Amino acid sequence: MSQATEIYSREFDSVFLKLPPRIRELVEAKIRDLGSHLADFPHRRLKGRSEYRLRAGDYRIIYEF
């Protein structure tokens, strides 16, 4: 299975670039892991919304597919 396409929003970029380098690396690693294992990844849907969430330390990554 091929990896997922990663598309970032302007809002993501503005917040992401302000994070410390160690946190940015953690977030990038989580996103890569999600994309590599999309079919068998434990997706957790946000209640009442169509998006999903992924924890990266103290941060949440909100995504949809």
PDB file of N, CA and C in Angstrom:
ATOM      1  N   MET A   1       0.845  -1.178   0.000  1.00  0.00           N
ATOM      2  CA  MET A   1       0.000   0.000   0.000  1.00  0.00           C
ATOM      3  C   MET A   1       0.892   1.243   0.000  1.00  0.00           C
ATOM      4  N   SER A   2       0.537   2.222  -0.794  1.00  0.00           N
ATOM      5  CA  SER A   2       1.336   3.446  -0.857  1.00  0.00           C
ATOM      6  C   SER A   2       0.997   4.382   0.295  1.00  0.00           C
ATOM      7  N   GLN A   3       1.902   5.330   0.518  1.00  0.00           N
ATOM      8  CA  GLN A   3       1.696   6.284   1.603  1.00  0.00           C
ATOM      9  C   GLN A   3       0.598   7.273   1.250  1.00  0.00           C
ATOM     10  N   ALA A   4       0.036   7.899   2.271  1.00  0.00           N
ATOM     11  CA  ALA A   4      -0.983   8.922   2.085  1.00  0.00           C
ATOM     12  C   ALA A   4      -0.330  10.226   1.640  1.00  0.00           C
ATOM     13  N   THR A   5      -1.094  11.057   0.969  1.00  0.00           N
ATOM     14  CA  THR A   5      -0.627  12.382   0.579  1.00  0.00           C
ATOM     15  C   THR A   5      -0.810  13.319   1.758  1.00  0.00           C
ATOM     16  N   GLU A   6       0.220  14.075   2.073  1.00  0.00           N
ATOM     17  CA  GLU A   6       0.154  15.019   3.188  1.00  0.00           C
ATOM     18  C   GLU A   6      -0.148  16.410   2.647  1.00  0.00           C
ATOM     19  N   ILE A   7      -1.213  17.023   3.132  1.00  0.00           N
ATOM     20  CA  ILE A   7      -1.588  18.381   2.740  1.00  0.00           C
ATOM     21  C   ILE A   7      -1.727  19.188   4.016  1.00  0.00           C
ATOM     22  N   TYR A   8      -0.967  20.271   4.091  1.00  0.00           N
ATOM     23  CA  TYR A   8      -0.988  21.110   5.284  1.00  0.00           C
ATOM     24  C   TYR A   8      -1.724  22.405   4.991  1.00  0.00           C
ATOM     25  N   SER A   9      -2.395  22.952   5.983  1.00  0.00           N
ATOM     26  CA  SER A   9      -3.090  24.228   5.825  1.00  0.00           C
ATOM     27  C   SER A   9      -2.191  25.383   6.257  1.00  0.00           C
ATOM     28  N   ARG A  10      -2.562  26.591   5.879  1.00  0.00           N
ATOM     29  CA  ARG A  10      -1.815  27.775   6.313  1.00  0.00           C
ATOM     30  C   ARG A  10      -1.843  27.895   7.832  1.00  0.00           C
ATOM     31  N   GLU A  11      -2.987  27.568   8.421  1.00  0.00           N
ATOM     32  CA  GLU A  11      -3.102  27.624   9.885  1.00  0.00           C
ATOM     33  C   GLU A  11      -2.107  26.655  10.527  1.00  0.00           C
ATOM     34  N   PHE A  12      -2.007  25.447   9.976  1.00  0.00           N
ATOM     35  CA  PHE A  12      -1.049  24.467  10.486  1.00  0.00           C
ATOM     36  C   PHE A  12       0.368  25.009  10.384  1.00  0.00           C
ATOM     37  N   ASP A  13       0.725  25.537   9.217  1.00  0.00           N
ATOM     38  CA  ASP A  13       2.083  26.050   9.006  1.00  0.00           C
ATOM     39  C   ASP A  13       2.437  27.141   9.999  1.00  0.00           C
ATOM     40  N   SER A  14       1.514  28.074  10.238  1.00  0.00           N
ATOM     41  CA  SER A  14       1.825  29.192  11.139  1.00  0.00           C
ATOM     42  C   SER A  14       2.056  28.716  12.570  1.00  0.00           C
ATOM     43  N   VAL A  15       1.311  27.731  13.010  1.00  0.00           N
ATOM     44  CA  VAL A  15       1.471  27.197  14.365  1.00  0.00           C
ATOM     45  C   VAL A  15       2.677  26.257  14.423  1.00  0.00           C
ATOM     46  N   PHE A  16       2.794  25.400  13.432  1.00  0.00           N
ATOM     47  CA  PHE A  16       3.854  24.386  13.409  1.00  0.00           C
ATOM     48  C   PHE A  16       5.246  25.009  13.424  1.00  0.00           C
ATOM     49  N   LEU A  17       5.455  26.047  12.646  1.00  0.00           N
ATOM     50  CA  LEU A  17       6.781  26.662  12.543  1.00  0.00           C
ATOM     51  C   LEU A  17       7.205  27.381  13.815  1.00  0.00           C
ATOM     52  N   LYS A  18       6.260  27.667  14.696  1.00  0.00           N
ATOM     53  CA  LYS A  18       6.577  28.324  15.970  1.00  0.00           C
ATOM     54  C   LYS A  18       6.949  27.323  17.067  1.00  0.00           C
ATOM     55  N   LEU A  19       6.722  26.042  16.818  1.00  0.00           N
ATOM     56  CA  LEU A  19       7.025  25.011  17.815  1.00  0.00           C
ATOM     57  C   LEU A  19       8.533  24.802  17.926  1.00  0.00           C
ATOM     58  N   PRO A  20       8.989  24.359  19.096  1.00  0.00           N
ATOM     59  CA  PRO A  20      10.413  24.016  19.239  1.00  0.00           C
ATOM     60  C   PRO A  20      10.776  22.862  18.291  1.00  0.00           C
ATOM     61  N   PRO A  21      12.018  22.816  17.826  1.00  0.00           N
ATOM     62  CA  PRO A  21      12.429  21.771  16.867  1.00  0.00           C
ATOM     63  C   PRO A  21      12.126  20.344  17.327  1.00  0.00           C
ATOM     64  N   ARG A  22      12.303  20.045  18.597  1.00  0.00           N
ATOM     65  CA  ARG A  22      12.043  18.690  19.111  1.00  0.00           C
ATOM     66  C   ARG A  22      10.570  18.316  18.944  1.00  0.00           C
ATOM     67  N   ILE A  23       9.678  19.262  19.205  1.00  0.00           N
ATOM     68  CA  ILE A  23       8.236  19.010  19.064  1.00  0.00           C
ATOM     69  C   ILE A  23       7.874  18.869  17.586  1.00  0.00           C
ATOM     70  N   ARG A  24       8.456  19.707  16.728  1.00  0.00           N
ATOM     71  CA  ARG A  24       8.195  19.600  15.284  1.00  0.00           C
ATOM     72  C   ARG A  24       8.597  18.216  14.768  1.00  0.00           C
ATOM     73  N   GLU A  25       9.735  17.715  15.230  1.00  0.00           N
ATOM     74  CA  GLU A  25      10.180  16.380  14.817  1.00  0.00           C
ATOM     75  C   GLU A  25       9.200  15.307  15.272  1.00  0.00           C
ATOM     76  N   LEU A  26       8.681  15.438  16.487  1.00  0.00           N
ATOM     77  CA  LEU A  26       7.706  14.480  17.013  1.00  0.00           C
ATOM     78  C   LEU A  26       6.430  14.498  16.171  1.00  0.00           C
ATOM     79  N   VAL A  27       5.931  15.692  15.861  1.00  0.00           N
ATOM     80  CA  VAL A  27       4.712  15.824  15.059  1.00  0.00           C
ATOM     81  C   VAL A  27       4.941  15.241  13.663  1.00  0.00           C
ATOM     82  N   GLU A  28       6.059  15.570  13.043  1.00  0.00           N
ATOM     83  CA  GLU A  28       6.364  15.033  11.713  1.00  0.00           C
ATOM     84  C   GLU A  28       6.455  13.507  11.736  1.00  0.00           C
ATOM     85  N   ALA A  29       7.058  12.951  12.763  1.00  0.00           N
ATOM     86  CA  ALA A  29       7.174  11.494  12.875  1.00  0.00           C
ATOM     87  C   ALA A  29       5.797  10.845  13.001  1.00  0.00           C
ATOM     88  N   LYS A  30       4.915  11.449  13.792  1.00  0.00           N
ATOM     89  CA  LYS A  30       3.556  10.903  13.955  1.00  0.00           C
ATOM     90  C   LYS A  30       2.794  10.949  12.637  1.00  0.00           C
ATOM     91  N   ILE A  31       2.938  12.057  11.893  1.00  0.00           N
ATOM     92  CA  ILE A  31       2.240  12.186  10.612  1.00  0.00           C
ATOM     93  C   ILE A  31       2.784  11.171   9.607  1.00  0.00           C
ATOM     94  N   ARG A  32       4.092  10.982   9.567  1.00  0.00           N
ATOM     95  CA  ARG A  32       4.691   9.978   8.672  1.00  0.00           C
ATOM     96  C   ARG A  32       4.212   8.573   9.035  1.00  0.00           C
ATOM     97  N   ASP A  33       4.164   8.276  10.333  1.00  0.00           N
ATOM     98  CA  ASP A  33       3.706   6.962  10.791  1.00  0.00           C
ATOM     99  C   ASP A  33       2.252   6.739  10.394  1.00  0.00           C
ATOM    100  N   LEU A  34       1.430   7.752  10.565  1.00  0.00           N
ATOM    101  CA  LEU A  34       0.025   7.663  10.174  1.00  0.00           C
ATOM    102  C   LEU A  34      -0.085   7.383   8.681  1.00  0.00           C
ATOM    103  N   GLY A  35       0.669   8.125   7.866  1.00  0.00           N
ATOM    104  CA  GLY A  35       0.621   7.938   6.414  1.00  0.00           C
ATOM    105  C   GLY A  35       1.122   6.581   5.964  1.00  0.00           C
ATOM    106  N   SER A  36       2.100   6.041   6.668  1.00  0.00           N
ATOM    107  CA  SER A  36       2.670   4.740   6.307  1.00  0.00           C
ATOM    108  C   SER A  36       1.775   3.573   6.686  1.00  0.00           C
ATOM    109  N   HIS A  37       0.953   3.749   7.703  1.00  0.00           N
ATOM    110  CA  HIS A  37       0.109   2.666   8.214  1.00  0.00           C
ATOM    111  C   HIS A  37      -1.364   3.076   8.245  1.00  0.00           C
ATOM    112  N   LEU A  38      -1.809   3.765   7.219  1.00  0.00           N
ATOM    113  CA  LEU A  38      -3.156   4.331   7.203  1.00  0.00           C
ATOM    114  C   LEU A  38      -4.249   3.279   7.387  1.00  0.00           C
ATOM    115  N   ALA A  39      -4.109   2.134   6.747  1.00  0.00           N
ATOM    116  CA  ALA A  39      -5.156   1.110   6.794  1.00  0.00           C
ATOM    117  C   ALA A  39      -5.322   0.491   8.173  1.00  0.00           C
ATOM    118  N   ASP A  40      -4.231   0.305   8.909  1.00  0.00           N
ATOM    119  CA  ASP A  40      -4.328  -0.370  10.205  1.00  0.00           C
ATOM    120  C   ASP A  40      -4.040   0.555  11.382  1.00  0.00           C
ATOM    121  N   PHE A  41      -4.112   1.856  11.152  1.00  0.00           N
ATOM    122  CA  PHE A  41      -3.855   2.822  12.220  1.00  0.00           C
ATOM    123  C   PHE A  41      -5.111   2.992  13.077  1.00  0.00           C
ATOM    124  N   PRO A  42      -4.975   3.140  14.401  1.00  0.00           N
ATOM    125  CA  PRO A  42      -6.162   3.310  15.266  1.00  0.00           C
ATOM    126  C   PRO A  42      -6.714   4.739  15.178  1.00  0.00           C
ATOM    127  N   HIS A  43      -7.604   4.979  14.218  1.00  0.00           N
ATOM    128  CA  HIS A  43      -8.174   6.317  14.021  1.00  0.00           C
ATOM    129  C   HIS A  43      -9.186   6.623  15.120  1.00  0.00           C
ATOM    130  N   ARG A  44      -9.073   7.805  15.713  1.00  0.00           N
ATOM    131  CA  ARG A  44      -9.998   8.231  16.771  1.00  0.00           C
ATOM    132  C   ARG A  44     -10.753   9.462  16.292  1.00  0.00           C
ATOM    133  N   ARG A  45     -12.046   9.295  16.057  1.00  0.00           N
ATOM    134  CA  ARG A  45     -12.874  10.390  15.545  1.00  0.00           C
ATOM    135  C   ARG A  45     -13.210  11.374  16.664  1.00  0.00           C
ATOM    136  N   LEU A  46     -13.218  12.656  16.311  1.00  0.00           N
ATOM    137  CA  LEU A  46     -13.655  13.679  17.258  1.00  0.00           C
ATOM    138  C   LEU A  46     -15.170  13.588  17.384  1.00  0.00           C
ATOM    139  N   LYS A  47     -15.678  13.694  18.566  1.00  0.00           N
ATOM    140  CA  LYS A  47     -17.118  13.569  18.786  1.00  0.00           C
ATOM    141  C   LYS A  47     -17.864  14.693  18.074  1.00  0.00           C
ATOM    142  N   GLY A  48     -18.873  14.302  17.300  1.00  0.00           N
ATOM    143  CA  GLY A  48     -19.712  15.269  16.611  1.00  0.00           C
ATOM    144  C   GLY A  48     -19.061  15.932  15.404  1.00  0.00           C
ATOM    145  N   ARG A  49     -17.919  15.428  14.954  1.00  0.00           N
ATOM    146  CA  ARG A  49     -17.223  16.025  13.810  1.00  0.00           C
ATOM    147  C   ARG A  49     -16.751  14.930  12.862  1.00  0.00           C
ATOM    148  N   SER A  50     -16.367  15.320  11.667  1.00  0.00           N
ATOM    149  CA  SER A  50     -15.892  14.334  10.688  1.00  0.00           C
ATOM    150  C   SER A  50     -14.381  14.132  10.753  1.00  0.00           C
ATOM    151  N   GLU A  51     -13.670  14.971  11.514  1.00  0.00           N
ATOM    152  CA  GLU A  51     -12.220  14.858  11.614  1.00  0.00           C
ATOM    153  C   GLU A  51     -11.813  13.826  12.669  1.00  0.00           C
ATOM    154  N   TYR A  52     -10.541  13.436  12.569  1.00  0.00           N
ATOM    155  CA  TYR A  52      -9.950  12.493  13.513  1.00  0.00           C
ATOM    156  C   TYR A  52      -8.828  13.186  14.268  1.00  0.00           C
ATOM    157  N   ARG A  53      -8.388  12.574  15.377  1.00  0.00           N
ATOM    158  CA  ARG A  53      -7.324  13.182  16.177  1.00  0.00           C
ATOM    159  C   ARG A  53      -6.199  12.183  16.381  1.00  0.00           C
ATOM    160  N   LEU A  54      -5.020  12.747  16.583  1.00  0.00           N
ATOM    161  CA  LEU A  54      -3.827  11.952  16.824  1.00  0.00           C
ATOM    162  C   LEU A  54      -2.993  12.706  17.838  1.00  0.00           C
ATOM    163  N   ARG A  55      -2.585  12.047  18.901  1.00  0.00           N
ATOM    164  CA  ARG A  55      -1.771  12.687  19.939  1.00  0.00           C
ATOM    165  C   ARG A  55      -0.299  12.661  19.558  1.00  0.00           C
ATOM    166  N   ALA A  56       0.359  13.789  19.831  1.00  0.00           N
ATOM    167  CA  ALA A  56       1.812  13.896  19.664  1.00  0.00           C
ATOM    168  C   ALA A  56       2.315  14.659  20.876  1.00  0.00           C
ATOM    169  N   GLY A  57       2.629  13.939  21.934  1.00  0.00           N
ATOM    170  CA  GLY A  57       3.034  14.601  23.180  1.00  0.00           C
ATOM    171  C   GLY A  57       1.856  15.354  23.774  1.00  0.00           C
ATOM    172  N   ASP A  58       2.036  16.642  24.025  1.00  0.00           N
ATOM    173  CA  ASP A  58       0.962  17.479  24.567  1.00  0.00           C
ATOM    174  C   ASP A  58       0.083  18.069  23.473  1.00  0.00           C
ATOM    175  N   TYR A  59       0.318  17.717  22.233  1.00  0.00           N
ATOM    176  CA  TYR A  59      -0.385  18.309  21.098  1.00  0.00           C
ATOM    177  C   TYR A  59      -1.311  17.302  20.449  1.00  0.00           C
ATOM    178  N   ARG A  60      -2.334  17.829  19.759  1.00  0.00           N
ATOM    179  CA  ARG A  60      -3.255  17.015  18.982  1.00  0.00           C
ATOM    180  C   ARG A  60      -3.103  17.383  17.524  1.00  0.00           C
ATOM    181  N   ILE A  61      -3.062  16.386  16.701  1.00  0.00           N
ATOM    182  CA  ILE A  61      -3.056  16.588  15.258  1.00  0.00           C
ATOM    183  C   ILE A  61      -4.462  16.241  14.788  1.00  0.00           C
ATOM    184  N   ILE A  62      -5.133  17.187  14.153  1.00  0.00           N
ATOM    185  CA  ILE A  62      -6.485  16.976  13.646  1.00  0.00           C
ATOM    186  C   ILE A  62      -6.359  16.689  12.153  1.00  0.00           C
ATOM    187  N   TYR A  63      -6.977  15.593  11.706  1.00  0.00           N
ATOM    188  CA  TYR A  63      -6.865  15.231  10.296  1.00  0.00           C
ATOM    189  C   TYR A  63      -8.168  14.625   9.814  1.00  0.00           C
ATOM    190  N   GLU A  64      -8.294  14.540   8.480  1.00  0.00           N
ATOM    191  CA  GLU A  64      -9.440  13.873   7.869  1.00  0.00           C
ATOM    192  C   GLU A  64      -8.959  13.129   6.633  1.00  0.00           C
ATOM    193  N   PHE A  65      -9.736  12.138   6.246  1.00  0.00           N
ATOM    194  CA  PHE A  65      -9.412  11.382   5.028  1.00  0.00           C
ATOM    195  C   PHE A  65     -10.674  10.806   4.444  1.00  0.00           C
TER     196      PHE A  65
END
